PDB file of N, CA and C in Angstrom:
ATOM      1  N   MET A   1       0.827  -1.330  -0.208  1.00  0.00           N
ATOM      2  CA  MET A   1       0.054   0.162  -0.090  1.00  0.00           C
ATOM      3  C   MET A   1       0.777   1.260   0.459  1.00  0.00           C
ATOM      4  N   ALA A   2       0.556   2.108  -0.499  1.00  0.00           N
ATOM      5  CA  ALA A   2       1.307   3.665  -1.072  1.00  0.00           C
ATOM      6  C   ALA A   2       1.076   4.699   0.064  1.00  0.00           C
ATOM      7  N   ASN A   3       1.777   5.262   0.222  1.00  0.00           N
ATOM      8  CA  ASN A   3       1.770   5.962   1.415  1.00  0.00           C
ATOM      9  C   ASN A   3       0.805   7.195   1.074  1.00  0.00           C
ATOM     10  N   LYS A   4      -0.443   7.262   1.858  1.00  0.00           N
ATOM     11  CA  LYS A   4      -1.705   8.577   1.561  1.00  0.00           C
ATOM     12  C   LYS A   4      -1.247   9.413   1.139  1.00  0.00           C
ATOM     13  N   ARG A   5      -0.003  10.216   1.509  1.00  0.00           N
ATOM     14  CA  ARG A   5       0.910  11.555   0.874  1.00  0.00           C
ATOM     15  C   ARG A   5       0.950  11.421  -0.441  1.00  0.00           C
ATOM     16  N   ILE A   6       1.911  10.300  -0.555  1.00  0.00           N
ATOM     17  CA  ILE A   6       2.325  10.101  -1.611  1.00  0.00           C
ATOM     18  C   ILE A   6       1.422  10.029  -2.700  1.00  0.00           C
ATOM     19  N   LEU A   7       0.133   9.545  -2.623  1.00  0.00           N
ATOM     20  CA  LEU A   7      -0.643   8.552  -3.414  1.00  0.00           C
ATOM     21  C   LEU A   7      -1.390  10.478  -3.597  1.00  0.00           C
ATOM     22  N   LYS A   8      -1.594  11.164  -2.810  1.00  0.00           N
ATOM     23  CA  LYS A   8      -2.315  12.625  -3.045  1.00  0.00           C
ATOM     24  C   LYS A   8      -1.450  13.011  -3.632  1.00  0.00           C
ATOM     25  N   LYS A   9      -0.087  13.283  -3.865  1.00  0.00           N
ATOM     26  CA  LYS A   9       0.569  14.069  -4.458  1.00  0.00           C
ATOM     27  C   LYS A   9       0.546  13.328  -5.863  1.00  0.00           C
ATOM     28  N   GLN A  10       0.555  12.042  -6.208  1.00  0.00           N
ATOM     29  CA  GLN A  10       0.434  11.685  -7.381  1.00  0.00           C
ATOM     30  C   GLN A  10      -1.094  11.889  -8.301  1.00  0.00           C
ATOM     31  N   VAL A  11      -2.562  12.154  -7.366  1.00  0.00           N
ATOM     32  CA  VAL A  11      -3.319  12.027  -8.274  1.00  0.00           C
ATOM     33  C   VAL A  11      -3.065  13.475  -8.093  1.00  0.00           C
ATOM     34  N   LEU A  12      -2.692  14.865  -7.778  1.00  0.00           N
ATOM     35  CA  LEU A  12      -2.418  16.402  -7.873  1.00  0.00           C
ATOM     36  C   LEU A  12      -1.901  16.107  -9.273  1.00  0.00           C
ATOM     37  N   TYR A  13      -0.286  15.072  -9.641  1.00  0.00           N
ATOM     38  CA  TYR A  13       0.118  15.564 -10.672  1.00  0.00           C
ATOM     39  C   TYR A  13      -0.178  14.928 -11.600  1.00  0.00           C
ATOM     40  N   VAL A  14      -1.183  13.821 -11.952  1.00  0.00           N
ATOM     41  CA  VAL A  14      -1.761  13.055 -12.986  1.00  0.00           C
ATOM     42  C   VAL A  14      -2.892  14.249 -13.255  1.00  0.00           C
ATOM     43  N   CYS A  15      -3.564  14.790 -12.432  1.00  0.00           N
ATOM     44  CA  CYS A  15      -4.464  15.689 -12.843  1.00  0.00           C
ATOM     45  C   CYS A  15      -3.992  17.239 -13.496  1.00  0.00           C
ATOM     46  N   GLY A  16      -2.842  17.453 -12.950  1.00  0.00           N
ATOM     47  CA  GLY A  16      -2.272  18.839 -13.005  1.00  0.00           C
ATOM     48  C   GLY A  16      -1.795  18.937 -14.548  1.00  0.00           C
ATOM     49  N   ASP A  17      -0.891  17.485 -14.887  1.00  0.00           N
ATOM     50  CA  ASP A  17      -0.433  17.268 -16.062  1.00  0.00           C
ATOM     51  C   ASP A  17      -1.677  17.213 -17.461  1.00  0.00           C
ATOM     52  N   ILE A  18      -2.612  16.650 -16.788  1.00  0.00           N
ATOM     53  CA  ILE A  18      -3.520  16.234 -18.213  1.00  0.00           C
ATOM     54  C   ILE A  18      -4.448  17.308 -18.570  1.00  0.00           C
ATOM     55  N   ALA A  19      -4.517  18.207 -17.025  1.00  0.00           N
ATOM     56  CA  ALA A  19      -5.011  19.383 -17.744  1.00  0.00           C
ATOM     57  C   ALA A  19      -4.221  20.666 -18.646  1.00  0.00           C
ATOM     58  N   ALA A  20      -2.650  20.581 -18.284  1.00  0.00           N
ATOM     59  CA  ALA A  20      -1.568  21.573 -18.801  1.00  0.00           C
ATOM     60  C   ALA A  20      -1.529  20.506 -20.216  1.00  0.00           C
ATOM     61  N   GLU A  21      -2.052  19.550 -20.470  1.00  0.00           N
ATOM     62  CA  GLU A  21      -1.975  19.221 -21.709  1.00  0.00           C
ATOM     63  C   GLU A  21      -3.244  19.714 -22.550  1.00  0.00           C
ATOM     64  N   CYS A  22      -4.140  19.515 -21.664  1.00  0.00           N
ATOM     65  CA  CYS A  22      -5.899  19.913 -22.473  1.00  0.00           C
ATOM     66  C   CYS A  22      -5.728  21.467 -22.821  1.00  0.00           C
ATOM     67  N   ILE A  23      -4.939  22.613 -21.709  1.00  0.00           N
ATOM     68  CA  ILE A  23      -5.022  23.687 -22.291  1.00  0.00           C
ATOM     69  C   ILE A  23      -3.427  23.415 -23.499  1.00  0.00           C
ATOM     70  N   PHE A  24      -2.784  23.320 -23.453  1.00  0.00           N
ATOM     71  CA  PHE A  24      -1.577  23.287 -24.698  1.00  0.00           C
ATOM     72  C   PHE A  24      -2.226  22.759 -25.936  1.00  0.00           C
ATOM     73  N   ALA A  25      -3.182  21.791 -25.894  1.00  0.00           N
ATOM     74  CA  ALA A  25      -3.716  20.980 -26.745  1.00  0.00           C
ATOM     75  C   ALA A  25      -5.029  22.004 -27.629  1.00  0.00           C
ATOM     76  N   ALA A  26      -5.337  23.010 -26.740  1.00  0.00           N
ATOM     77  CA  ALA A  26      -6.394  23.921 -27.356  1.00  0.00           C
ATOM     78  C   ALA A  26      -5.956  25.355 -27.631  1.00  0.00           C
ATOM     79  N   ASP A  27      -4.707  25.496 -27.432  1.00  0.00           N
ATOM     80  CA  ASP A  27      -3.896  26.617 -27.784  1.00  0.00           C
ATOM     81  C   ASP A  27      -3.391  26.322 -29.396  1.00  0.00           C
ATOM     82  N   VAL A  28      -2.877  25.318 -29.354  1.00  0.00           N
ATOM     83  CA  VAL A  28      -1.935  24.776 -30.465  1.00  0.00           C
ATOM     84  C   VAL A  28      -2.399  24.169 -31.412  1.00  0.00           C
ATOM     85  N   VAL A  29      -2.979  23.224 -31.403  1.00  0.00           N
ATOM     86  CA  VAL A  29      -3.665  22.162 -32.319  1.00  0.00           C
ATOM     87  C   VAL A  29      -4.989  23.216 -32.946  1.00  0.00           C
ATOM     88  N   PRO A  30      -5.067  23.372 -33.922  1.00  0.00           N
ATOM     89  CA  PRO A  30      -5.792  23.873 -35.171  1.00  0.00           C
ATOM     90  C   PRO A  30      -7.059  22.834 -34.966  1.00  0.00           C
ATOM     91  N   GLY A  31      -8.038  23.441 -34.541  1.00  0.00           N
ATOM     92  CA  GLY A  31      -9.517  23.032 -34.748  1.00  0.00           C
ATOM     93  C   GLY A  31      -9.975  21.949 -33.982  1.00  0.00           C
ATOM     94  N   ILE A  32      -9.753  22.342 -33.029  1.00  0.00           N
ATOM     95  CA  ILE A  32     -10.338  21.644 -31.430  1.00  0.00           C
ATOM     96  C   ILE A  32     -10.757  22.676 -30.602  1.00  0.00           C
ATOM     97  N   ASP A  33     -11.804  21.770 -30.520  1.00  0.00           N
ATOM     98  CA  ASP A  33     -13.283  22.842 -29.674  1.00  0.00           C
ATOM     99  C   ASP A  33     -12.567  23.055 -28.301  1.00  0.00           C
ATOM    100  N   GLU A  34     -12.365  24.363 -27.910  1.00  0.00           N
ATOM    101  CA  GLU A  34     -12.035  25.172 -26.578  1.00  0.00           C
ATOM    102  C   GLU A  34     -13.118  25.051 -26.111  1.00  0.00           C
ATOM    103  N   GLN A  35     -14.288  24.779 -26.177  1.00  0.00           N
ATOM    104  CA  GLN A  35     -15.455  25.068 -25.099  1.00  0.00           C
ATOM    105  C   GLN A  35     -15.253  23.615 -24.358  1.00  0.00           C
ATOM    106  N   LYS A  36     -15.220  22.609 -25.334  1.00  0.00           N
ATOM    107  CA  LYS A  36     -15.419  20.813 -24.820  1.00  0.00           C
ATOM    108  C   LYS A  36     -13.866  20.476 -24.275  1.00  0.00           C
ATOM    109  N   MET A  37     -12.819  21.076 -24.277  1.00  0.00           N
ATOM    110  CA  MET A  37     -11.803  20.956 -23.803  1.00  0.00           C
ATOM    111  C   MET A  37     -11.542  21.409 -22.484  1.00  0.00           C
ATOM    112  N   GLY A  38     -12.039  22.995 -22.702  1.00  0.00           N
ATOM    113  CA  GLY A  38     -12.220  23.442 -21.184  1.00  0.00           C
ATOM    114  C   GLY A  38     -13.301  22.838 -20.390  1.00  0.00           C
ATOM    115  N   GLN A  39     -13.900  21.942 -20.352  1.00  0.00           N
ATOM    116  CA  GLN A  39     -15.059  21.407 -19.575  1.00  0.00           C
ATOM    117  C   GLN A  39     -14.334  20.196 -19.382  1.00  0.00           C
ATOM    118  N   ILE A  40     -13.407  19.409 -19.739  1.00  0.00           N
ATOM    119  CA  ILE A  40     -12.663  18.531 -19.714  1.00  0.00           C
ATOM    120  C   ILE A  40     -11.441  18.902 -18.407  1.00  0.00           C
ATOM    121  N   VAL A  41     -11.008  20.024 -19.225  1.00  0.00           N
ATOM    122  CA  VAL A  41     -10.515  20.391 -17.451  1.00  0.00           C
ATOM    123  C   VAL A  41     -10.948  20.522 -16.364  1.00  0.00           C
ATOM    124  N   VAL A  42     -12.592  21.080 -16.518  1.00  0.00           N
ATOM    125  CA  VAL A  42     -13.222  20.991 -15.441  1.00  0.00           C
ATOM    126  C   VAL A  42     -13.271  19.667 -14.360  1.00  0.00           C
ATOM    127  N   ASP A  43     -13.951  18.963 -15.203  1.00  0.00           N
ATOM    128  CA  ASP A  43     -13.982  17.546 -15.189  1.00  0.00           C
ATOM    129  C   ASP A  43     -13.122  17.284 -14.380  1.00  0.00           C
ATOM    130  N   LEU A  44     -11.595  16.939 -14.947  1.00  0.00           N
ATOM    131  CA  LEU A  44     -10.384  16.651 -14.430  1.00  0.00           C
ATOM    132  C   LEU A  44     -10.059  17.225 -12.620  1.00  0.00           C
ATOM    133  N   ALA A  45     -10.796  18.775 -12.779  1.00  0.00           N
ATOM    134  CA  ALA A  45     -10.844  19.164 -11.106  1.00  0.00           C
ATOM    135  C   ALA A  45     -12.010  18.483  -9.966  1.00  0.00           C
ATOM    136  N   VAL A  46     -13.158  18.397 -10.966  1.00  0.00           N
ATOM    137  CA  VAL A  46     -14.053  17.882 -10.071  1.00  0.00           C
ATOM    138  C   VAL A  46     -13.132  16.306  -9.851  1.00  0.00           C
ATOM    139  N   LEU A  47     -12.782  15.418 -10.499  1.00  0.00           N
ATOM    140  CA  LEU A  47     -12.110  14.446 -10.398  1.00  0.00           C
ATOM    141  C   LEU A  47     -11.557  14.012  -9.073  1.00  0.00           C
ATOM    142  N   GLN A  48      -9.912  15.134  -9.474  1.00  0.00           N
ATOM    143  CA  GLN A  48      -9.168  15.261  -8.088  1.00  0.00           C
ATOM    144  C   GLN A  48     -10.070  15.705  -7.040  1.00  0.00           C
ATOM    145  N   GLU A  49     -10.760  16.584  -6.996  1.00  0.00           N
ATOM    146  CA  GLU A  49     -11.389  16.930  -5.605  1.00  0.00           C
ATOM    147  C   GLU A  49     -12.200  15.619  -4.971  1.00  0.00           C
ATOM    148  N   GLN A  50     -12.727  14.837  -5.875  1.00  0.00           N
ATOM    149  CA  GLN A  50     -12.955  13.354  -5.436  1.00  0.00           C
ATOM    150  C   GLN A  50     -12.460  12.987  -4.667  1.00  0.00           C
ATOM    151  N   THR A  51     -11.593  12.709  -5.957  1.00  0.00           N
ATOM    152  CA  THR A  51     -10.771  11.599  -5.488  1.00  0.00           C
ATOM    153  C   THR A  51      -9.996  11.405  -4.129  1.00  0.00           C
ATOM    154  N   LEU A  52      -9.460  12.912  -3.586  1.00  0.00           N
ATOM    155  CA  LEU A  52      -8.394  13.472  -3.038  1.00  0.00           C
ATOM    156  C   LEU A  52      -9.412  13.400  -1.092  1.00  0.00           C
ATOM    157  N   GLN A  53     -11.093  13.997  -1.299  1.00  0.00           N
ATOM    158  CA  GLN A  53     -11.817  13.901  -0.315  1.00  0.00           C
ATOM    159  C   GLN A  53     -12.417  12.035  -0.191  1.00  0.00           C
ATOM    160  N   LYS A  54     -11.961  11.601  -1.138  1.00  0.00           N
ATOM    161  CA  LYS A  54     -12.840   9.712  -1.052  1.00  0.00           C
ATOM    162  C   LYS A  54     -11.529   9.077  -0.363  1.00  0.00           C
ATOM    163  N   MET A  55     -10.099   9.169  -0.065  1.00  0.00           N
ATOM    164  CA  MET A  55      -8.631   9.178   0.445  1.00  0.00           C
ATOM    165  C   MET A  55      -8.828   8.821   2.414  1.00  0.00           C
ATOM    166  N   ASN A  56     -10.133   9.438   2.631  1.00  0.00           N
ATOM    167  CA  ASN A  56     -10.150   9.964   3.939  1.00  0.00           C
ATOM    168  C   ASN A  56     -11.096   8.882   4.536  1.00  0.00           C
ATOM    169  N   PHE A  57     -10.498   7.351   4.886  1.00  0.00           N
ATOM    170  CA  PHE A  57     -11.275   6.313   5.234  1.00  0.00           C
ATOM    171  C   PHE A  57     -10.451   5.657   6.288  1.00  0.00           C
ATOM    172  N   THR A  58     -10.967   5.111   7.259  1.00  0.00           N
ATOM    173  CA  THR A  58     -10.764   4.507   8.414  1.00  0.00           C
ATOM    174  C   THR A  58     -11.323   3.519   8.259  1.00  0.00           C
ATOM    175  N   PHE A  59     -10.681   2.240   9.310  1.00  0.00           N
ATOM    176  CA  PHE A  59     -10.999   0.876   9.675  1.00  0.00           C
ATOM    177  C   PHE A  59     -11.811   1.138  10.927  1.00  0.00           C
ATOM    178  N   ASP A  60     -12.903   0.606  10.434  1.00  0.00           N
ATOM    179  CA  ASP A  60     -14.132   0.938  11.950  1.00  0.00           C
ATOM    180  C   ASP A  60     -14.163   0.024  12.984  1.00  0.00           C
ATOM    181  N   LYS A  61     -13.243  -1.488  13.264  1.00  0.00           N
ATOM    182  CA  LYS A  61     -13.210  -2.558  13.754  1.00  0.00           C
ATOM    183  C   LYS A  61     -11.894  -1.535  14.809  1.00  0.00           C
ATOM    184  N   ALA A  62     -12.109  -2.341  16.154  1.00  0.00           N
ATOM    185  CA  ALA A  62     -11.474  -1.963  17.340  1.00  0.00           C
ATOM    186  C   ALA A  62     -10.165  -3.406  17.701  1.00  0.00           C
ATOM    187  N   PRO A  63      -9.420  -3.169  17.889  1.00  0.00           N
ATOM    188  CA  PRO A  63      -8.112  -4.259  18.295  1.00  0.00           C
ATOM    189  C   PRO A  63      -9.086  -5.345  19.374  1.00  0.00           C
ATOM    190  N   ARG A  64      -9.742  -4.897  20.315  1.00  0.00           N
ATOM    191  CA  ARG A  64     -11.099  -5.745  21.193  1.00  0.00           C
ATOM    192  C   ARG A  64     -11.755  -6.533  20.338  1.00  0.00           C
ATOM    193  N   ASP A  65     -12.157  -6.300  19.097  1.00  0.00           N
ATOM    194  CA  ASP A  65     -12.980  -7.111  18.443  1.00  0.00           C
ATOM    195  C   ASP A  65     -12.391  -8.510  17.948  1.00  0.00           C
ATOM    196  N   PHE A  66     -11.410  -8.449  17.797  1.00  0.00           N
ATOM    197  CA  PHE A  66     -10.189  -9.803  17.219  1.00  0.00           C
ATOM    198  C   PHE A  66      -9.504 -10.169  18.841  1.00  0.00           C
ATOM    199  N   GLU A  67      -9.425 -11.374  18.151  1.00  0.00           N
ATOM    200  CA  GLU A  67      -8.842 -12.825  19.153  1.00  0.00           C
ATOM    201  C   GLU A  67      -7.128 -12.411  19.720  1.00  0.00           C
ATOM    202  N   ASN A  68      -6.744 -11.742  18.243  1.00  0.00           N
ATOM    203  CA  ASN A  68      -5.425 -11.103  19.240  1.00  0.00           C
ATOM    204  C   ASN A  68      -5.276 -10.091  18.201  1.00  0.00           C
ATOM    205  N   ARG A  69      -3.981  -9.174  18.675  1.00  0.00           N
ATOM    206  CA  ARG A  69      -3.234  -8.463  17.916  1.00  0.00           C
ATOM    207  C   ARG A  69      -3.291  -8.431  16.347  1.00  0.00           C
ATOM    208  N   ALA A  70      -2.760 -10.056  16.388  1.00  0.00           N
ATOM    209  CA  ALA A  70      -1.857  -9.934  15.088  1.00  0.00           C
ATOM    210  C   ALA A  70      -3.342 -10.244  13.779  1.00  0.00           C
ATOM    211  N   ASP A  71      -4.451 -10.711  14.610  1.00  0.00           N
ATOM    212  CA  ASP A  71      -5.600 -10.686  13.792  1.00  0.00           C
ATOM    213  C   ASP A  71      -6.166  -9.250  12.771  1.00  0.00           C
ATOM    214  N   TYR A  72      -6.364  -8.779  14.358  1.00  0.00           N
ATOM    215  CA  TYR A  72      -6.572  -6.952  13.817  1.00  0.00           C
ATOM    216  C   TYR A  72      -5.740  -6.305  13.069  1.00  0.00           C
ATOM    217  N   ASN A  73      -4.741  -6.751  13.007  1.00  0.00           N
ATOM    218  CA  ASN A  73      -3.406  -5.969  12.272  1.00  0.00           C
ATOM    219  C   ASN A  73      -3.924  -6.732  10.660  1.00  0.00           C
ATOM    220  N   LYS A  74      -3.764  -7.979  10.575  1.00  0.00           N
ATOM    221  CA  LYS A  74      -4.230  -8.442   9.242  1.00  0.00           C
ATOM    222  C   LYS A  74      -5.530  -7.948   8.589  1.00  0.00           C
ATOM    223  N   ALA A  75      -6.569  -8.133   9.403  1.00  0.00           N
ATOM    224  CA  ALA A  75      -7.714  -7.303   9.072  1.00  0.00           C
ATOM    225  C   ALA A  75      -7.919  -5.734   8.802  1.00  0.00           C
ATOM    226  N   ARG A  76      -6.768  -5.322   9.258  1.00  0.00           N
ATOM    227  CA  ARG A  76      -6.632  -3.616   8.981  1.00  0.00           C
ATOM    228  C   ARG A  76      -5.805  -3.433   7.642  1.00  0.00           C
ATOM    229  N   ALA A  77      -4.979  -4.503   7.826  1.00  0.00           N
ATOM    230  CA  ALA A  77      -3.692  -4.234   6.586  1.00  0.00           C
ATOM    231  C   ALA A  77      -5.017  -4.386   5.044  1.00  0.00           C
ATOM    232  N   ALA A  78      -5.659  -5.776   4.999  1.00  0.00           N
ATOM    233  CA  ALA A  78      -6.545  -5.974   4.323  1.00  0.00           C
ATOM    234  C   ALA A  78      -7.555  -5.145   3.908  1.00  0.00           C
ATOM    235  N   TYR A  79      -8.043  -4.518   4.781  1.00  0.00           N
ATOM    236  CA  TYR A  79      -9.351  -3.121   4.796  1.00  0.00           C
ATOM    237  C   TYR A  79      -8.099  -2.224   3.934  1.00  0.00           C
ATOM    238  N   TYR A  80      -7.462  -1.694   3.920  1.00  0.00           N
ATOM    239  CA  TYR A  80      -6.397  -0.851   3.884  1.00  0.00           C
ATOM    240  C   TYR A  80      -5.945  -1.293   2.311  1.00  0.00           C
ATOM    241  N   HIS A  81      -5.604  -2.043   1.913  1.00  0.00           N
ATOM    242  CA  HIS A  81      -5.249  -2.655   1.203  1.00  0.00           C
ATOM    243  C   HIS A  81      -6.739  -2.829  -0.426  1.00  0.00           C
ATOM    244  N   ALA A  82      -7.542  -3.294  -0.058  1.00  0.00           N
ATOM    245  CA  ALA A  82      -8.817  -3.072  -0.860  1.00  0.00           C
ATOM    246  C   ALA A  82      -9.415  -2.004  -0.768  1.00  0.00           C
ATOM    247  N   ALA A  83      -9.558  -1.069  -0.009  1.00  0.00           N
ATOM    248  CA  ALA A  83      -9.877   0.279  -0.291  1.00  0.00           C
ATOM    249  C   ALA A  83      -9.193   0.895  -1.145  1.00  0.00           C
ATOM    250  N   PHE A  84      -7.496   1.326  -1.248  1.00  0.00           N
ATOM    251  CA  PHE A  84      -6.771   2.022  -2.220  1.00  0.00           C
ATOM    252  C   PHE A  84      -7.186   1.249  -3.018  1.00  0.00           C
ATOM    253  N   LYS A  85      -6.893   0.150  -3.274  1.00  0.00           N
ATOM    254  CA  LYS A  85      -7.149  -0.408  -4.801  1.00  0.00           C
ATOM    255  C   LYS A  85      -8.390   0.007  -5.340  1.00  0.00           C
ATOM    256  N   SER A  86      -9.245  -0.156  -4.763  1.00  0.00           N
ATOM    257  CA  SER A  86     -10.873   0.030  -5.120  1.00  0.00           C
ATOM    258  C   SER A  86     -10.958   1.814  -5.521  1.00  0.00           C
ATOM    259  N   LEU A  87     -10.236   2.829  -4.447  1.00  0.00           N
ATOM    260  CA  LEU A  87     -10.037   4.172  -5.138  1.00  0.00           C
ATOM    261  C   LEU A  87      -9.104   4.258  -6.321  1.00  0.00           C
ATOM    262  N   LYS A  88      -8.045   3.265  -6.490  1.00  0.00           N
ATOM    263  CA  LYS A  88      -7.248   3.603  -7.526  1.00  0.00           C
ATOM    264  C   LYS A  88      -7.795   3.205  -8.970  1.00  0.00           C
ATOM    265  N   ASN A  89      -8.854   1.965  -8.765  1.00  0.00           N
ATOM    266  CA  ASN A  89      -9.263   1.554 -10.166  1.00  0.00           C
ATOM    267  C   ASN A  89     -10.356   2.485 -10.502  1.00  0.00           C
ATOM    268  N   THR A  90     -10.784   3.017  -9.898  1.00  0.00           N
ATOM    269  CA  THR A  90     -12.117   3.875 -10.276  1.00  0.00           C
ATOM    270  C   THR A  90     -11.593   5.585 -10.360  1.00  0.00           C
ATOM    271  N   PHE A  91     -10.289   6.096 -10.002  1.00  0.00           N
ATOM    272  CA  PHE A  91      -9.509   7.358 -10.685  1.00  0.00           C
ATOM    273  C   PHE A  91      -8.964   6.600 -12.186  1.00  0.00           C
ATOM    274  N   ASN A  92      -8.130   5.408 -12.345  1.00  0.00           N
ATOM    275  CA  ASN A  92      -7.799   5.229 -13.260  1.00  0.00           C
ATOM    276  C   ASN A  92      -8.950   4.880 -14.127  1.00  0.00           C
ATOM    277  N   LYS A  93      -9.970   4.425 -14.411  1.00  0.00           N
ATOM    278  CA  LYS A  93     -11.017   4.028 -15.074  1.00  0.00           C
ATOM    279  C   LYS A  93     -11.401   5.722 -15.509  1.00  0.00           C
ATOM    280  N   SER A  94     -11.854   6.605 -14.669  1.00  0.00           N
ATOM    281  CA  SER A  94     -12.300   8.245 -15.155  1.00  0.00           C
ATOM    282  C   SER A  94     -10.850   8.797 -15.665  1.00  0.00           C
ATOM    283  N   ILE A  95      -9.780   8.423 -15.721  1.00  0.00           N
ATOM    284  CA  ILE A  95      -9.177   9.071 -16.234  1.00  0.00           C
ATOM    285  C   ILE A  95      -8.705   8.752 -17.667  1.00  0.00           C
ATOM    286  N   ASP A  96      -8.851   7.242 -17.818  1.00  0.00           N
ATOM    287  CA  ASP A  96      -9.227   6.637 -18.828  1.00  0.00           C
ATOM    288  C   ASP A  96     -10.369   7.432 -20.051  1.00  0.00           C
ATOM    289  N   GLU A  97     -11.277   7.850 -19.209  1.00  0.00           N
ATOM    290  CA  GLU A  97     -12.396   8.243 -19.854  1.00  0.00           C
ATOM    291  C   GLU A  97     -11.986   9.557 -20.245  1.00  0.00           C
ATOM    292  N   ILE A  98     -11.381  10.430 -19.557  1.00  0.00           N
ATOM    293  CA  ILE A  98     -11.065  11.764 -19.757  1.00  0.00           C
ATOM    294  C   ILE A  98      -9.917  11.757 -20.907  1.00  0.00           C
ATOM    295  N   VAL A  99      -9.425  10.864 -21.019  1.00  0.00           N
ATOM    296  CA  VAL A  99      -8.064  10.781 -21.890  1.00  0.00           C
ATOM    297  C   VAL A  99      -8.882  10.144 -23.296  1.00  0.00           C
ATOM    298  N   ALA A 100      -9.802   9.487 -23.276  1.00  0.00           N
ATOM    299  CA  ALA A 100     -10.821   9.322 -24.802  1.00  0.00           C
ATOM    300  C   ALA A 100     -11.239  10.170 -25.211  1.00  0.00           C
ATOM    301  N   ARG A 101     -12.138  10.980 -24.168  1.00  0.00           N
ATOM    302  CA  ARG A 101     -12.721  12.499 -24.864  1.00  0.00           C
ATOM    303  C   ARG A 101     -11.576  12.962 -25.334  1.00  0.00           C
ATOM    304  N   MET A 102     -10.598  13.713 -24.638  1.00  0.00           N
ATOM    305  CA  MET A 102      -9.444  14.382 -25.133  1.00  0.00           C
ATOM    306  C   MET A 102      -9.114  13.813 -26.414  1.00  0.00           C
ATOM    307  N   ASN A 103      -8.825  12.699 -27.202  1.00  0.00           N
ATOM    308  CA  ASN A 103      -8.514  11.817 -28.214  1.00  0.00           C
ATOM    309  C   ASN A 103      -9.354  12.558 -29.161  1.00  0.00           C
ATOM    310  N   ALA A 104     -11.034  12.515 -28.437  1.00  0.00           N
ATOM    311  CA  ALA A 104     -11.879  12.155 -29.880  1.00  0.00           C
ATOM    312  C   ALA A 104     -12.176  13.719 -30.231  1.00  0.00           C
ATOM    313  N   LEU A 105     -11.368  14.833 -29.593  1.00  0.00           N
ATOM    314  CA  LEU A 105     -11.631  15.782 -29.903  1.00  0.00           C
ATOM    315  C   LEU A 105     -10.452  16.398 -30.876  1.00  0.00           C
ATOM    316  N   LEU A 106      -9.284  15.486 -30.889  1.00  0.00           N
ATOM    317  CA  LEU A 106      -8.075  15.844 -31.875  1.00  0.00           C
ATOM    318  C   LEU A 106      -8.834  15.718 -33.304  1.00  0.00           C
ATOM    319  N   PRO A 107      -8.439  16.777 -34.233  1.00  0.00           N
ATOM    320  CA  PRO A 107      -8.768  16.663 -35.608  1.00  0.00           C
ATOM    321  C   PRO A 107      -7.906  15.538 -36.469  1.00  0.00           C
ATOM    322  N   GLU A 108      -8.692  14.458 -37.080  1.00  0.00           N
ATOM    323  CA  GLU A 108      -8.129  13.339 -37.925  1.00  0.00           C
ATOM    324  C   GLU A 108      -6.366  13.567 -38.237  1.00  0.00           C
ATOM    325  N   GLU A 109      -6.527  14.860 -38.928  1.00  0.00           N
ATOM    326  CA  GLU A 109      -4.963  14.721 -39.485  1.00  0.00           C
ATOM    327  C   GLU A 109      -3.800  14.736 -37.891  1.00  0.00           C
ATOM    328  N   GLN A 110      -4.350  15.506 -36.987  1.00  0.00           N
ATOM    329  CA  GLN A 110      -3.584  15.534 -35.841  1.00  0.00           C
ATOM    330  C   GLN A 110      -3.097  14.215 -35.144  1.00  0.00           C
ATOM    331  N   ARG A 111      -4.382  12.935 -35.447  1.00  0.00           N
ATOM    332  CA  ARG A 111      -3.989  12.248 -34.922  1.00  0.00           C
ATOM    333  C   ARG A 111      -2.926  11.413 -35.253  1.00  0.00           C
ATOM    334  N   ARG A 112      -3.326  11.480 -36.809  1.00  0.00           N
ATOM    335  CA  ARG A 112      -2.170  10.574 -37.762  1.00  0.00           C
ATOM    336  C   ARG A 112      -1.121  11.125 -37.370  1.00  0.00           C
ATOM    337  N   LEU A 113      -0.617  12.394 -37.367  1.00  0.00           N
ATOM    338  CA  LEU A 113       0.368  12.728 -37.025  1.00  0.00           C
ATOM    339  C   LEU A 113       1.411  12.309 -35.679  1.00  0.00           C
ATOM    340  N   ASN A 114       0.545  12.131 -34.694  1.00  0.00           N
ATOM    341  CA  ASN A 114       0.849  11.623 -33.161  1.00  0.00           C
ATOM    342  C   ASN A 114       1.009  10.369 -33.301  1.00  0.00           C
ATOM    343  N   LYS A 115       0.479   9.265 -34.387  1.00  0.00           N
ATOM    344  CA  LYS A 115       0.733   7.708 -34.297  1.00  0.00           C
ATOM    345  C   LYS A 115       2.490   7.787 -35.374  1.00  0.00           C
ATOM    346  N   GLU A 116       2.344   8.628 -35.797  1.00  0.00           N
ATOM    347  CA  GLU A 116       3.567   8.847 -36.867  1.00  0.00           C
ATOM    348  C   GLU A 116       4.758   9.052 -35.806  1.00  0.00           C
ATOM    349  N   ALA A 117       4.351  10.381 -35.207  1.00  0.00           N
ATOM    350  CA  ALA A 117       5.602  10.350 -34.083  1.00  0.00           C
ATOM    351  C   ALA A 117       5.897   9.068 -33.281  1.00  0.00           C
ATOM    352  N   VAL A 118       4.673   8.568 -32.772  1.00  0.00           N
ATOM    353  CA  VAL A 118       4.795   7.534 -31.461  1.00  0.00           C
ATOM    354  C   VAL A 118       5.568   6.374 -32.047  1.00  0.00           C
ATOM    355  N   ASN A 119       5.148   5.968 -33.489  1.00  0.00           N
ATOM    356  CA  ASN A 119       5.838   4.721 -33.951  1.00  0.00           C
ATOM    357  C   ASN A 119       7.364   4.924 -34.609  1.00  0.00           C
ATOM    358  N   LYS A 120       8.055   6.421 -34.777  1.00  0.00           N
ATOM    359  CA  LYS A 120       9.343   6.266 -35.166  1.00  0.00           C
ATOM    360  C   LYS A 120      10.288   6.152 -33.659  1.00  0.00           C
TER     361      LYS A 120
END
């Protein structure tokens, strides 16, 4: 399990980098709908805020609820592992959807040029 502080920084970096790409593409690539690209930036900000708020969860059991401390630690670790995994999967799925929307806004000529640059 990643440190919560590191995970929060990664969410901030990912959302910030994608938003910067959106702004850059809206300014540089001709033929992009700037309104739709701006909406993607807003959606990224909402996603970032929601993800950061969802990171604050706690294990609702106490050590006295278990036979021994080892069982408590094992259950607690499994809970946090599952919670962070679910959060990361949800975040990644949302990011994939946003990237797909970004790519759909690119003109066909720009998509072809991007594919050629990647294949070199």
